Amino acid sequence: MKPPRQPLYLARESYRRRRAMDAARILPVLGIFLVALPRLWGADAGPGEETAREGIYLFTVWGGLIVAAALLGRLLAPSIDPSPDDPPGPQD
C-alpha cells in the first residue's frame, strides 16, 4: 500500500499572480464576447430605443473593461518591475 501523497504547496503570492495573468489573457476574449452580445438580442423595441439601449450597454462594457484592465495591471505591476537585487540586464 502506497503512503498518501502530501498536498502540493503553492505559494499564495505566485498563485495569485498566475491567476491574474490568466485573467489578463482572457479579458480580450471576454470583451469581444460582451461587445458582440447585442447582436443576439433581436429587435424587440423600436429603432431609436434599440440604438440607445445598445449604446448605453456598449459604453458600460467599455468602461468595465477599462476598470478590469486597470485592476489587473495594478495586480501585475509588481511582477513586471525588476527588484533591486536583480543583476542589471544588457540594456542597463
N, C-alpha and C. Protein backbone atom coordinates (compact mmCIF):
# COMPACT_ATOMS: atom_id res chain seq x y z
N MET A 1 0.84 -1.18 0.00
CA MET A 1 0.00 0.00 0.00
C MET A 1 0.88 1.24 0.00
N LYS A 2 0.58 2.19 -0.90
CA LYS A 2 1.37 3.40 -1.00
C LYS A 2 0.98 4.39 0.10
N PRO A 3 1.96 5.11 0.61
CA PRO A 3 1.61 6.14 1.59
C PRO A 3 0.90 7.30 0.89
N PRO A 4 0.01 7.99 1.59
CA PRO A 4 -0.70 9.10 0.95
C PRO A 4 0.27 10.22 0.56
N ARG A 5 0.02 10.82 -0.60
CA ARG A 5 0.87 11.90 -1.07
C ARG A 5 0.58 13.18 -0.31
N GLN A 6 1.61 13.95 -0.11
CA GLN A 6 1.43 15.25 0.54
C GLN A 6 0.79 16.20 -0.47
N PRO A 7 -0.09 17.07 -0.01
CA PRO A 7 -0.70 18.02 -0.94
C PRO A 7 0.36 18.97 -1.50
N LEU A 8 0.18 19.36 -2.73
CA LEU A 8 1.11 20.27 -3.39
C LEU A 8 0.96 21.66 -2.80
N TYR A 9 2.05 22.21 -2.33
CA TYR A 9 2.01 23.54 -1.75
C TYR A 9 2.33 24.57 -2.82
N LEU A 10 1.48 25.56 -2.96
CA LEU A 10 1.71 26.66 -3.88
C LEU A 10 1.77 27.94 -3.07
N ALA A 11 2.80 28.70 -3.27
CA ALA A 11 2.91 29.98 -2.57
C ALA A 11 1.74 30.87 -2.96
N ARG A 12 1.18 31.53 -1.99
CA ARG A 12 -0.03 32.31 -2.21
C ARG A 12 0.18 33.45 -3.22
N GLU A 13 1.28 34.19 -3.10
CA GLU A 13 1.52 35.32 -3.99
C GLU A 13 1.74 34.87 -5.44
N SER A 14 2.54 33.84 -5.64
CA SER A 14 2.78 33.40 -7.02
C SER A 14 1.51 32.80 -7.62
N TYR A 15 0.70 32.13 -6.79
CA TYR A 15 -0.56 31.58 -7.29
C TYR A 15 -1.50 32.70 -7.72
N ARG A 16 -1.61 33.73 -6.90
CA ARG A 16 -2.47 34.88 -7.26
C ARG A 16 -1.96 35.60 -8.49
N ARG A 17 -0.65 35.74 -8.60
CA ARG A 17 -0.07 36.41 -9.77
C ARG A 17 -0.36 35.62 -11.04
N ARG A 18 -0.26 34.30 -10.97
CA ARG A 18 -0.55 33.48 -12.15
C ARG A 18 -2.03 33.55 -12.51
N ARG A 19 -2.92 33.57 -11.53
CA ARG A 19 -4.36 33.69 -11.82
C ARG A 19 -4.66 35.07 -12.40
N ALA A 20 -3.97 36.11 -11.95
CA ALA A 20 -4.17 37.44 -12.52
C ALA A 20 -3.68 37.46 -13.97
N MET A 21 -2.58 36.77 -14.25
CA MET A 21 -2.10 36.68 -15.64
C MET A 21 -3.10 35.94 -16.51
N ASP A 22 -3.69 34.88 -15.97
CA ASP A 22 -4.72 34.15 -16.71
C ASP A 22 -5.92 35.05 -17.01
N ALA A 23 -6.33 35.83 -16.01
CA ALA A 23 -7.46 36.74 -16.21
C ALA A 23 -7.12 37.80 -17.25
N ALA A 24 -5.87 38.28 -17.27
CA ALA A 24 -5.46 39.27 -18.26
C ALA A 24 -5.47 38.68 -19.67
N ARG A 25 -5.18 37.40 -19.78
CA ARG A 25 -5.21 36.75 -21.09
C ARG A 25 -6.64 36.53 -21.58
N ILE A 26 -7.56 36.31 -20.66
CA ILE A 26 -8.96 36.05 -21.02
C ILE A 26 -9.75 37.34 -21.24
N LEU A 27 -9.28 38.45 -20.68
CA LEU A 27 -10.03 39.71 -20.76
C LEU A 27 -10.37 40.14 -22.20
N PRO A 28 -9.46 40.07 -23.17
CA PRO A 28 -9.85 40.45 -24.54
C PRO A 28 -10.93 39.54 -25.13
N VAL A 29 -10.87 38.25 -24.83
CA VAL A 29 -11.89 37.32 -25.34
C VAL A 29 -13.24 37.66 -24.72
N LEU A 30 -13.24 37.92 -23.42
CA LEU A 30 -14.47 38.32 -22.74
C LEU A 30 -15.01 39.62 -23.33
N GLY A 31 -14.12 40.56 -23.62
CA GLY A 31 -14.54 41.83 -24.21
C GLY A 31 -15.17 41.65 -25.58
N ILE A 32 -14.59 40.81 -26.40
CA ILE A 32 -15.16 40.56 -27.74
C ILE A 32 -16.54 39.93 -27.61
N PHE A 33 -16.68 38.98 -26.68
CA PHE A 33 -17.98 38.34 -26.47
C PHE A 33 -19.02 39.36 -26.00
N LEU A 34 -18.66 40.19 -25.03
CA LEU A 34 -19.61 41.16 -24.50
C LEU A 34 -19.98 42.24 -25.52
N VAL A 35 -19.05 42.62 -26.37
CA VAL A 35 -19.36 43.62 -27.41
C VAL A 35 -20.24 43.01 -28.49
N ALA A 36 -20.06 41.73 -28.79
CA ALA A 36 -20.87 41.08 -29.82
C ALA A 36 -22.24 40.65 -29.31
N LEU A 37 -22.44 40.64 -28.01
CA LEU A 37 -23.68 40.16 -27.42
C LEU A 37 -24.94 40.92 -27.89
N PRO A 38 -24.92 42.23 -28.09
CA PRO A 38 -26.15 42.91 -28.54
C PRO A 38 -26.70 42.41 -29.87
N ARG A 39 -25.86 41.82 -30.70
CA ARG A 39 -26.35 41.28 -31.97
C ARG A 39 -27.30 40.11 -31.74
N LEU A 40 -27.21 39.46 -30.59
CA LEU A 40 -28.07 38.31 -30.28
C LEU A 40 -29.39 38.72 -29.64
N TRP A 41 -29.54 39.98 -29.27
CA TRP A 41 -30.73 40.42 -28.56
C TRP A 41 -31.98 40.40 -29.43
N GLY A 42 -31.86 40.73 -30.67
CA GLY A 42 -33.04 40.83 -31.53
C GLY A 42 -33.60 42.24 -31.52
N ALA A 43 -34.64 42.47 -32.32
CA ALA A 43 -35.22 43.81 -32.47
C ALA A 43 -36.61 43.83 -31.84
N ASP A 44 -36.70 43.85 -30.52
CA ASP A 44 -37.98 43.92 -29.85
C ASP A 44 -38.51 45.35 -29.80
N ALA A 45 -37.63 46.30 -29.55
CA ALA A 45 -38.04 47.70 -29.41
C ALA A 45 -37.92 48.41 -30.75
N GLY A 46 -38.34 49.67 -30.74
CA GLY A 46 -38.22 50.49 -31.95
C GLY A 46 -36.76 50.80 -32.24
N PRO A 47 -36.50 51.34 -33.42
CA PRO A 47 -35.10 51.59 -33.80
C PRO A 47 -34.40 52.59 -32.88
N GLY A 48 -35.09 53.61 -32.41
CA GLY A 48 -34.47 54.59 -31.52
C GLY A 48 -34.17 54.01 -30.15
N GLU A 49 -35.09 53.25 -29.62
CA GLU A 49 -34.88 52.65 -28.30
C GLU A 49 -33.77 51.60 -28.34
N GLU A 50 -33.74 50.84 -29.41
CA GLU A 50 -32.72 49.80 -29.53
C GLU A 50 -31.32 50.41 -29.61
N THR A 51 -31.18 51.46 -30.39
CA THR A 51 -29.88 52.11 -30.54
C THR A 51 -29.42 52.70 -29.22
N ALA A 52 -30.33 53.33 -28.50
CA ALA A 52 -29.96 53.92 -27.21
C ALA A 52 -29.57 52.84 -26.22
N ARG A 53 -30.32 51.77 -26.18
CA ARG A 53 -30.03 50.68 -25.25
C ARG A 53 -28.68 50.04 -25.57
N GLU A 54 -28.40 49.80 -26.84
CA GLU A 54 -27.12 49.21 -27.23
C GLU A 54 -25.97 50.16 -26.98
N GLY A 55 -26.19 51.44 -27.20
CA GLY A 55 -25.14 52.42 -26.93
C GLY A 55 -24.77 52.47 -25.46
N ILE A 56 -25.78 52.51 -24.60
CA ILE A 56 -25.52 52.51 -23.16
C ILE A 56 -24.82 51.22 -22.76
N TYR A 57 -25.26 50.10 -23.30
CA TYR A 57 -24.64 48.81 -22.98
C TYR A 57 -23.17 48.80 -23.41
N LEU A 58 -22.89 49.25 -24.64
CA LEU A 58 -21.51 49.22 -25.14
C LEU A 58 -20.59 50.12 -24.33
N PHE A 59 -21.05 51.32 -23.96
CA PHE A 59 -20.21 52.20 -23.16
C PHE A 59 -20.00 51.64 -21.76
N THR A 60 -21.00 50.96 -21.21
CA THR A 60 -20.85 50.33 -19.90
C THR A 60 -19.83 49.18 -19.97
N VAL A 61 -19.93 48.36 -21.01
CA VAL A 61 -18.96 47.26 -21.19
C VAL A 61 -17.56 47.83 -21.39
N TRP A 62 -17.45 48.87 -22.20
CA TRP A 62 -16.17 49.51 -22.46
C TRP A 62 -15.55 50.03 -21.17
N GLY A 63 -16.34 50.72 -20.36
CA GLY A 63 -15.86 51.23 -19.07
C GLY A 63 -15.47 50.10 -18.13
N GLY A 64 -16.27 49.04 -18.10
CA GLY A 64 -15.96 47.89 -17.26
C GLY A 64 -14.66 47.22 -17.66
N LEU A 65 -14.43 47.12 -18.97
CA LEU A 65 -13.17 46.52 -19.44
C LEU A 65 -11.97 47.40 -19.08
N ILE A 66 -12.14 48.71 -19.13
CA ILE A 66 -11.07 49.62 -18.73
C ILE A 66 -10.75 49.45 -17.25
N VAL A 67 -11.79 49.40 -16.42
CA VAL A 67 -11.58 49.22 -14.98
C VAL A 67 -10.93 47.87 -14.69
N ALA A 68 -11.41 46.82 -15.36
CA ALA A 68 -10.83 45.49 -15.14
C ALA A 68 -9.37 45.46 -15.57
N ALA A 69 -9.04 46.08 -16.70
CA ALA A 69 -7.65 46.11 -17.16
C ALA A 69 -6.77 46.91 -16.19
N ALA A 70 -7.31 48.00 -15.64
CA ALA A 70 -6.54 48.79 -14.68
C ALA A 70 -6.28 47.99 -13.40
N LEU A 71 -7.28 47.29 -12.92
CA LEU A 71 -7.10 46.48 -11.71
C LEU A 71 -6.10 45.34 -11.95
N LEU A 72 -6.22 44.69 -13.08
CA LEU A 72 -5.27 43.62 -13.40
C LEU A 72 -3.86 44.17 -13.59
N GLY A 73 -3.76 45.33 -14.20
CA GLY A 73 -2.45 45.95 -14.36
C GLY A 73 -1.81 46.31 -13.03
N ARG A 74 -2.64 46.76 -12.09
CA ARG A 74 -2.14 47.08 -10.76
C ARG A 74 -1.69 45.81 -10.02
N LEU A 75 -2.42 44.73 -10.20
CA LEU A 75 -2.03 43.47 -9.57
C LEU A 75 -0.74 42.92 -10.17
N LEU A 76 -0.56 43.10 -11.47
CA LEU A 76 0.59 42.52 -12.15
C LEU A 76 1.81 43.44 -12.16
N ALA A 77 1.66 44.69 -11.81
CA ALA A 77 2.78 45.64 -11.87
C ALA A 77 3.96 45.21 -11.01
N PRO A 78 3.78 44.73 -9.78
CA PRO A 78 4.96 44.32 -9.00
C PRO A 78 5.73 43.17 -9.65
N SER A 79 5.06 42.31 -10.39
CA SER A 79 5.78 41.20 -11.01
C SER A 79 6.53 41.63 -12.26
N ILE A 80 6.18 42.77 -12.83
CA ILE A 80 6.86 43.25 -14.03
C ILE A 80 8.10 44.05 -13.67
N ASP A 81 8.03 44.85 -12.61
CA ASP A 81 9.16 45.68 -12.20
C ASP A 81 10.29 44.80 -11.67
N PRO A 82 11.52 45.05 -12.13
CA PRO A 82 12.64 44.26 -11.61
C PRO A 82 12.93 44.66 -10.16
N SER A 83 13.34 43.71 -9.37
CA SER A 83 13.68 44.01 -7.99
C SER A 83 15.08 44.60 -7.94
N PRO A 84 15.41 45.36 -6.91
CA PRO A 84 16.76 45.96 -6.85
C PRO A 84 17.86 44.92 -6.67
N ASP A 85 17.49 43.70 -6.27
CA ASP A 85 18.51 42.65 -6.11
C ASP A 85 18.89 41.99 -7.41
N ASP A 86 18.09 42.18 -8.47
CA ASP A 86 18.37 41.56 -9.76
C ASP A 86 19.62 42.19 -10.39
N PRO A 87 20.44 41.40 -11.06
CA PRO A 87 21.60 42.00 -11.74
C PRO A 87 21.12 42.81 -12.93
N PRO A 88 21.87 43.84 -13.30
CA PRO A 88 21.46 44.66 -14.45
C PRO A 88 21.49 43.84 -15.74
N GLY A 89 20.54 44.12 -16.61
CA GLY A 89 20.45 43.42 -17.87
C GLY A 89 21.32 44.09 -18.92
N PRO A 90 21.29 43.59 -20.16
CA PRO A 90 22.13 44.17 -21.22
C PRO A 90 21.71 45.58 -21.58
N GLN A 91 20.45 45.98 -21.32
CA GLN A 91 20.01 47.32 -21.66
C GLN A 91 20.50 48.36 -20.66
N ASP A 92 20.85 47.94 -19.44
CA ASP A 92 21.22 48.90 -18.39
C ASP A 92 22.64 49.36 -18.53
